[in-house]
Amino acid sequence: MNAALPRLALTPGEPSGIGPELVARLAASPFPADLVAIGDPESLQRAAKTCGISLHVEAFDDMPRGMRAPGALRVIEVPLRARETPGKPDPRNAFQVLNTLARAADGCLAGEFDALVTAPVQKSVINDAGEDFSGHTGFFARRSGSEVVMMLASPELRVALATTHLPLSEVPAAITRASLAQALRIVHAELIAKFGIARPRIAVLGLNPHAGEGGHLGREEIETIAPVLEALRGEGMALIGPLPADTAFLPAQRIRYDAVLAMYHDQALPVLKSEAFDRTVNLTLGLPFIRTSVDHGTALDIAGKGCADSSSLFAAARMAVELVARSRAGARA
């Protein structure tokens, strides 16, 4: 009998967005994993029909699979409260989306799934429904009781974030010595555990232009960032910086590090996404399970048209499988 395929939990995200179409396209391919979607099976069938895909949906039975035929998809049913209208999110379905995330996270924590791959959610409609929701990263952190860091990774570049979805005016106060040290410890540990890098080299960006220019353009580098780096170097970490963000991504700099820690969302992600938007994967570091995701939103403007590019979801699933394989190899060692 074939060895069991890695079992990936898939959450389709916002039912009125492109997520269900992306999940259907992944399931229709010969992708080498046991795919288990958590959502509304009829919604997934409608998405498949939109894409011209034949999807064979069956209830999840928890039996390991050594092979999966293209088009086969096991589903754990979490029904919609209202039938989706492509491009027009309905707040009545916000709790269905949250329930899919909760079921997936709980299954990962229980060892039911080897990894979780998420399609995009519409944060605004969840907030409109009365839920305080800032994104997948914070949701899974709370669900698992973990301290986490968001990372986006392409084959050429890994970027972690010291702060995520904050107004720019709130970023300086959010970067403290304690929070920065915690983020760097998580990134360092996960580069070893998940990516197999024995001695990770992490470049740390400054907050201000020119990394503060000796205090003339801001003192956060002098008073917060540099002291943390010095302390963690004393613990054996290989840290470079604080670096000016405008030159940190030059080829001559990139060969010096394995990952970058940026101070805020738009400081580094435009570089990454402009280079490899269709190959970039969002990961949550620090969770007790593997979670990957697409690096884009719900694309409401093209939802229901069957033309959404599924490259990022395929990249996220491939990375999840690679991380599962590395984890299994480490467990056997």
Protein backbone atom coordinates (compact mmCIF):
# COMPACT_ATOMS: atom_id res chain seq x y z
CA MET A 1 0.00 0.00 0.00
CA ASN A 2 1.22 3.52 -0.77
CA ALA A 3 2.36 5.67 2.13
CA ALA A 4 -0.28 8.10 3.32
CA LEU A 5 -0.37 11.37 1.45
CA PRO A 6 0.10 14.55 3.48
CA ARG A 7 -3.36 15.68 4.53
CA LEU A 8 -4.03 19.37 3.88
CA ALA A 9 -7.02 21.16 5.34
CA LEU A 10 -8.28 23.79 2.89
CA THR A 11 -10.46 26.74 3.89
CA PRO A 12 -12.16 28.45 0.91
CA GLY A 13 -12.34 31.84 2.65
CA GLU A 14 -14.89 34.43 1.59
CA PRO A 15 -17.64 32.50 -0.29
CA SER A 16 -18.36 35.47 -2.58
CA GLY A 17 -14.70 35.86 -3.52
CA ILE A 18 -12.37 33.75 -5.64
CA GLY A 19 -11.36 31.34 -2.83
CA PRO A 20 -13.84 28.57 -3.66
CA GLU A 21 -12.76 28.71 -7.32
CA LEU A 22 -9.10 28.39 -6.30
CA VAL A 23 -9.86 25.39 -4.08
CA ALA A 24 -11.80 23.77 -6.92
CA ARG A 25 -8.88 24.25 -9.31
CA LEU A 26 -6.43 22.75 -6.82
CA ALA A 27 -8.71 19.75 -6.28
CA ALA A 28 -9.12 19.27 -10.04
CA SER A 29 -5.37 18.96 -10.49
CA PRO A 30 -3.24 15.87 -9.79
CA PHE A 31 -1.72 17.65 -6.78
CA PRO A 32 -0.08 15.00 -4.56
CA ALA A 33 -1.91 15.51 -1.28
CA ASP A 34 -5.00 14.33 0.55
CA LEU A 35 -7.13 17.47 0.20
CA VAL A 36 -9.88 18.11 2.74
CA ALA A 37 -11.95 21.25 2.26
CA ILE A 38 -13.79 22.74 5.22
CA GLY A 39 -16.82 24.62 3.98
CA ASP A 40 -20.07 24.40 2.09
CA PRO A 41 -19.96 21.53 -0.46
CA GLU A 42 -22.65 23.06 -2.69
CA SER A 43 -20.76 26.34 -2.82
CA LEU A 44 -17.64 24.47 -3.89
CA GLN A 45 -19.60 22.63 -6.58
CA ARG A 46 -20.95 25.93 -7.89
CA ALA A 47 -17.42 27.35 -7.99
CA ALA A 48 -16.20 24.27 -9.87
CA LYS A 49 -18.99 24.67 -12.41
CA THR A 50 -18.01 28.31 -12.88
CA CYS A 51 -14.48 27.16 -13.71
CA GLY A 52 -15.67 24.37 -16.01
CA ILE A 53 -14.34 21.76 -13.61
CA SER A 54 -15.82 18.40 -12.71
CA LEU A 55 -15.52 17.96 -8.95
CA HIS A 56 -16.28 14.75 -7.07
CA VAL A 57 -17.16 15.77 -3.51
CA GLU A 58 -17.50 13.27 -0.70
CA ALA A 59 -17.83 13.49 3.06
CA PHE A 60 -14.64 13.33 5.08
CA ASP A 61 -14.18 9.95 6.80
CA ASP A 62 -10.74 10.45 8.45
CA MET A 63 -9.25 7.45 6.63
CA PRO A 64 -5.70 7.98 5.34
CA ARG A 65 -5.30 8.11 1.59
CA GLY A 66 -2.35 6.78 -0.38
CA MET A 67 -3.59 8.33 -3.61
CA ARG A 68 -6.12 10.88 -4.82
CA ALA A 69 -7.69 11.10 -8.24
CA PRO A 70 -7.83 14.54 -9.89
CA GLY A 71 -11.19 16.08 -9.12
CA ALA A 72 -11.65 14.19 -5.84
CA LEU A 73 -12.24 16.35 -2.79
CA ARG A 74 -13.29 15.32 0.69
CA VAL A 75 -15.31 17.95 2.53
CA ILE A 76 -16.13 18.68 6.16
CA GLU A 77 -19.44 20.49 5.83
CA VAL A 78 -19.83 23.94 7.36
CA PRO A 79 -22.96 25.24 5.63
CA LEU A 80 -23.47 28.79 4.44
CA ARG A 81 -26.24 30.79 6.08
CA ALA A 82 -27.09 32.45 2.77
CA ARG A 83 -26.25 31.39 -0.77
CA GLU A 84 -23.25 33.34 -2.02
CA THR A 85 -23.48 36.02 -4.69
CA PRO A 86 -20.10 36.37 -6.44
CA GLY A 87 -18.57 39.77 -5.79
CA LYS A 88 -21.07 40.72 -3.08
CA PRO A 89 -20.12 39.44 0.41
CA ASP A 90 -22.99 38.86 2.79
CA PRO A 91 -22.39 39.52 6.52
CA ARG A 92 -24.72 36.61 7.26
CA ASN A 93 -21.93 34.30 6.06
CA ALA A 94 -19.22 35.89 8.20
CA PHE A 95 -19.71 33.41 11.01
CA GLN A 96 -19.60 30.50 8.57
CA VAL A 97 -16.16 31.73 7.47
CA LEU A 98 -14.98 31.99 11.08
CA ASN A 99 -16.36 28.52 11.82
CA THR A 100 -14.36 27.04 8.94
CA LEU A 101 -11.19 28.60 10.35
CA ALA A 102 -11.94 27.34 13.85
CA ARG A 103 -12.63 23.81 12.63
CA ALA A 104 -9.45 23.77 10.58
CA ALA A 105 -7.29 25.08 13.42
CA ASP A 106 -8.76 22.66 15.93
CA GLY A 107 -8.19 19.77 13.51
CA CYS A 108 -4.54 20.77 13.09
CA LEU A 109 -4.06 21.07 16.85
CA ALA A 110 -5.56 17.58 17.28
CA GLY A 111 -3.29 16.07 14.63
CA GLU A 112 -6.20 15.43 12.27
CA PHE A 113 -4.48 17.41 9.49
CA ASP A 114 -0.81 17.73 8.61
CA ALA A 115 -1.12 21.36 7.54
CA LEU A 116 -3.63 24.11 6.83
CA VAL A 117 -3.84 26.08 3.58
CA THR A 118 -6.13 29.10 3.54
CA ALA A 119 -7.79 31.05 0.73
CA PRO A 120 -8.46 34.77 1.29
CA VAL A 121 -11.13 36.15 3.59
CA GLN A 122 -12.87 39.52 3.43
CA LYS A 123 -11.96 41.12 6.75
CA SER A 124 -14.32 44.05 6.28
CA VAL A 125 -17.47 41.92 6.02
CA ILE A 126 -16.50 39.98 9.15
CA ASN A 127 -16.06 43.29 10.98
CA ASP A 128 -19.41 44.45 9.57
CA ALA A 129 -20.98 41.37 11.15
CA GLY A 130 -19.78 42.57 14.55
CA GLU A 131 -16.65 40.46 14.96
CA ASP A 132 -13.29 42.01 15.86
CA PHE A 133 -11.19 40.29 13.19
CA SER A 134 -7.85 41.54 11.88
CA GLY A 135 -6.97 38.50 9.79
CA HIS A 136 -6.02 34.83 9.77
CA THR A 137 -2.76 35.40 11.63
CA GLY A 138 -4.32 36.86 14.76
CA PHE A 139 -7.22 34.40 14.68
CA PHE A 140 -4.96 31.35 14.65
CA ALA A 141 -2.68 32.87 17.28
CA ARG A 142 -5.59 33.28 19.67
CA ARG A 143 -7.08 29.90 18.82
CA SER A 144 -3.82 28.11 19.60
CA GLY A 145 -2.59 30.39 22.40
CA SER A 146 0.58 31.20 20.45
CA GLU A 147 2.81 34.18 19.83
CA VAL A 148 3.21 34.44 16.08
CA VAL A 149 4.92 36.33 13.27
CA MET A 150 3.67 36.80 9.72
CA MET A 151 6.11 35.85 6.97
CA LEU A 152 5.74 36.05 3.21
CA ALA A 153 8.11 33.89 1.22
CA SER A 154 8.93 33.37 -2.43
CA PRO A 155 11.63 31.08 -3.81
CA GLU A 156 14.01 34.06 -3.77
CA LEU A 157 13.11 36.03 -0.63
CA ARG A 158 11.61 35.60 2.84
CA VAL A 159 10.15 38.63 4.62
CA ALA A 160 8.81 38.59 8.19
CA LEU A 161 6.93 41.50 9.75
CA ALA A 162 7.46 43.07 13.16
CA THR A 163 3.98 44.65 12.86
CA THR A 164 1.20 43.71 10.47
CA HIS A 165 -2.12 45.43 9.81
CA LEU A 166 -1.70 48.70 11.67
CA PRO A 167 -2.17 52.31 10.61
CA LEU A 168 1.27 53.74 9.90
CA SER A 169 0.83 56.28 12.69
CA GLU A 170 0.62 53.44 15.24
CA VAL A 171 3.71 51.53 14.10
CA PRO A 172 6.45 53.29 16.12
CA ALA A 173 4.69 52.74 19.45
CA ALA A 174 4.05 49.09 18.58
CA ILE A 175 7.74 48.37 18.14
CA THR A 176 9.15 47.82 21.61
CA ARG A 177 12.31 46.06 22.73
CA ALA A 178 10.22 43.18 24.07
CA SER A 179 8.06 42.76 20.95
CA LEU A 180 11.05 43.01 18.62
CA ALA A 181 13.06 40.45 20.58
CA GLN A 182 10.08 38.09 20.60
CA ALA A 183 9.58 38.41 16.84
CA LEU A 184 13.25 37.75 16.13
CA ARG A 185 13.32 34.70 18.40
CA ILE A 186 10.28 33.26 16.60
CA VAL A 187 11.73 33.91 13.15
CA HIS A 188 15.10 32.45 14.15
CA ALA A 189 13.55 29.30 15.63
CA GLU A 190 11.22 28.73 12.67
CA LEU A 191 13.95 29.19 10.07
CA ILE A 192 15.71 26.32 11.81
CA ALA A 193 12.65 24.13 12.43
CA LYS A 194 10.63 24.72 9.26
CA PHE A 195 13.24 25.62 6.67
CA GLY A 196 16.15 23.52 7.91
CA ILE A 197 18.60 26.44 8.09
CA ALA A 198 21.07 25.49 10.80
CA ARG A 199 22.38 29.01 11.46
CA PRO A 200 19.91 31.54 10.09
CA ARG A 201 21.12 34.98 9.06
CA ILE A 202 18.42 37.61 9.56
CA ALA A 203 18.57 41.14 8.19
CA VAL A 204 16.66 43.65 10.32
CA LEU A 205 15.41 46.85 8.71
CA GLY A 206 15.40 50.20 10.43
CA LEU A 207 12.12 52.01 10.96
CA ASN A 208 13.12 55.41 9.61
CA PRO A 209 14.57 56.52 6.26
CA HIS A 210 18.28 55.68 6.06
CA ALA A 211 17.81 53.69 9.30
CA GLY A 212 17.53 56.96 11.20
CA GLU A 213 20.77 58.44 9.83
CA GLY A 214 22.53 58.45 13.18
CA GLY A 215 19.50 59.86 14.99
CA HIS A 216 18.90 62.79 12.66
CA LEU A 217 15.83 61.10 11.09
CA GLY A 218 14.53 59.33 14.19
CA ARG A 219 15.90 57.60 17.26
CA GLU A 220 14.06 54.24 17.16
CA GLU A 221 17.11 52.55 15.65
CA ILE A 222 19.37 53.85 18.44
CA GLU A 223 17.01 53.42 21.35
CA THR A 224 15.07 50.27 20.42
CA ILE A 225 16.29 48.26 17.44
CA ALA A 226 20.09 48.29 17.85
CA PRO A 227 20.04 47.36 21.57
CA VAL A 228 17.80 44.37 20.85
CA LEU A 229 20.07 43.17 18.05
CA GLU A 230 23.12 43.49 20.24
CA ALA A 231 21.48 41.51 23.06
CA LEU A 232 20.35 38.72 20.73
CA ARG A 233 23.76 38.53 19.08
CA GLY A 234 24.97 37.76 22.58
CA GLU A 235 22.63 34.74 22.51
CA GLY A 236 24.27 33.53 19.30
CA MET A 237 21.91 34.88 16.64
CA ALA A 238 23.36 36.07 13.34
CA LEU A 239 21.65 39.44 12.90
CA ILE A 240 22.46 42.14 10.36
CA GLY A 241 21.30 45.71 10.84
CA PRO A 242 19.47 47.86 11.38
CA LEU A 243 19.65 48.33 7.61
CA PRO A 244 18.18 51.14 5.49
CA ALA A 245 15.18 49.65 3.73
CA ASP A 246 15.92 51.39 0.43
CA THR A 247 19.12 49.38 -0.13
CA ALA A 248 18.45 46.21 1.86
CA PHE A 249 17.04 44.32 -1.15
CA LEU A 250 19.90 44.94 -3.55
CA PRO A 251 21.48 41.70 -4.85
CA ALA A 252 24.72 42.40 -2.99
CA GLN A 253 22.76 42.58 0.28
CA ARG A 254 20.54 39.56 -0.34
CA ILE A 255 23.43 37.13 -0.44
CA ARG A 256 24.18 38.09 3.16
CA TYR A 257 20.91 36.90 4.71
CA ASP A 258 18.29 34.12 4.74
CA ALA A 259 15.35 36.30 5.77
CA VAL A 260 14.41 39.91 6.45
CA LEU A 261 12.48 41.32 9.40
CA ALA A 262 10.68 44.48 8.28
CA MET A 263 9.21 46.95 10.74
CA TYR A 264 5.85 47.36 8.99
CA HIS A 265 3.67 45.86 6.28
CA ASP A 266 4.42 48.09 3.29
CA GLN A 267 8.10 48.56 4.04
CA ALA A 268 9.11 45.32 2.35
CA LEU A 269 6.11 43.58 0.84
CA PRO A 270 5.93 45.74 -2.31
CA VAL A 271 9.42 44.48 -3.19
CA LEU A 272 8.41 40.87 -2.71
CA LYS A 273 5.07 41.09 -4.47
CA SER A 274 6.37 43.05 -7.44
CA GLU A 275 8.92 40.30 -8.05
CA ALA A 276 6.95 37.15 -7.36
CA PHE A 277 3.27 37.85 -6.77
CA ASP A 278 2.18 34.51 -8.24
CA ARG A 279 4.83 32.56 -6.32
CA THR A 280 4.63 34.18 -2.89
CA VAL A 281 3.22 32.35 0.12
CA ASN A 282 1.98 33.74 3.41
CA LEU A 283 3.07 31.69 6.45
CA THR A 284 2.27 32.06 10.12
CA LEU A 285 5.42 31.41 12.14
CA GLY A 286 5.14 30.34 15.77
CA LEU A 287 2.01 28.23 15.49
CA PRO A 288 2.07 24.61 16.72
CA PHE A 289 0.99 23.57 13.21
CA ILE A 290 1.85 24.43 9.62
CA ARG A 291 -0.26 27.16 8.04
CA THR A 292 0.28 28.64 4.59
CA SER A 293 -1.87 30.93 2.50
CA VAL A 294 -2.17 32.90 -0.70
CA ASP A 295 -0.57 36.35 -0.74
CA HIS A 296 -3.58 38.14 -2.24
CA GLY A 297 -7.12 39.16 -1.42
CA THR A 298 -10.59 38.02 -2.38
CA ALA A 299 -10.61 39.71 -5.84
CA LEU A 300 -14.34 40.44 -5.67
CA ASP A 301 -14.21 42.17 -9.04
CA ILE A 302 -13.49 38.90 -10.86
CA ALA A 303 -15.26 36.44 -8.56
CA GLY A 304 -17.72 34.20 -10.36
CA LYS A 305 -16.05 34.68 -13.74
CA GLY A 306 -13.83 31.58 -13.61
CA CYS A 307 -10.71 33.54 -14.55
CA ALA A 308 -8.90 33.80 -11.20
CA ASP A 309 -5.21 32.86 -11.22
CA SER A 310 -4.68 29.94 -8.82
CA SER A 311 -0.86 30.12 -8.86
CA SER A 312 -0.52 31.46 -5.33
CA LEU A 313 -2.79 28.79 -3.83
CA PHE A 314 -0.79 26.10 -5.63
CA ALA A 315 2.41 27.68 -4.28
CA ALA A 316 0.95 27.69 -0.76
CA ALA A 317 -0.06 24.03 -1.04
CA ARG A 318 3.38 23.06 -2.39
CA MET A 319 5.10 24.85 0.47
CA ALA A 320 2.80 23.15 2.98
CA VAL A 321 3.71 19.74 1.55
CA GLU A 322 7.42 20.60 1.66
CA LEU A 323 7.16 21.70 5.28
CA VAL A 324 5.24 18.53 6.18
CA ALA A 325 7.93 16.41 4.52
CA ARG A 326 10.68 18.24 6.42
CA SER A 327 8.76 17.82 9.67
CA ARG A 328 8.30 14.09 9.06
CA ALA A 329 11.97 13.68 8.20
CA GLY A 330 12.95 15.50 11.39
CA ALA A 331 10.66 13.28 13.45
CA ARG A 332 12.30 10.18 11.97
CA ALA A 333 15.85 11.47 12.56
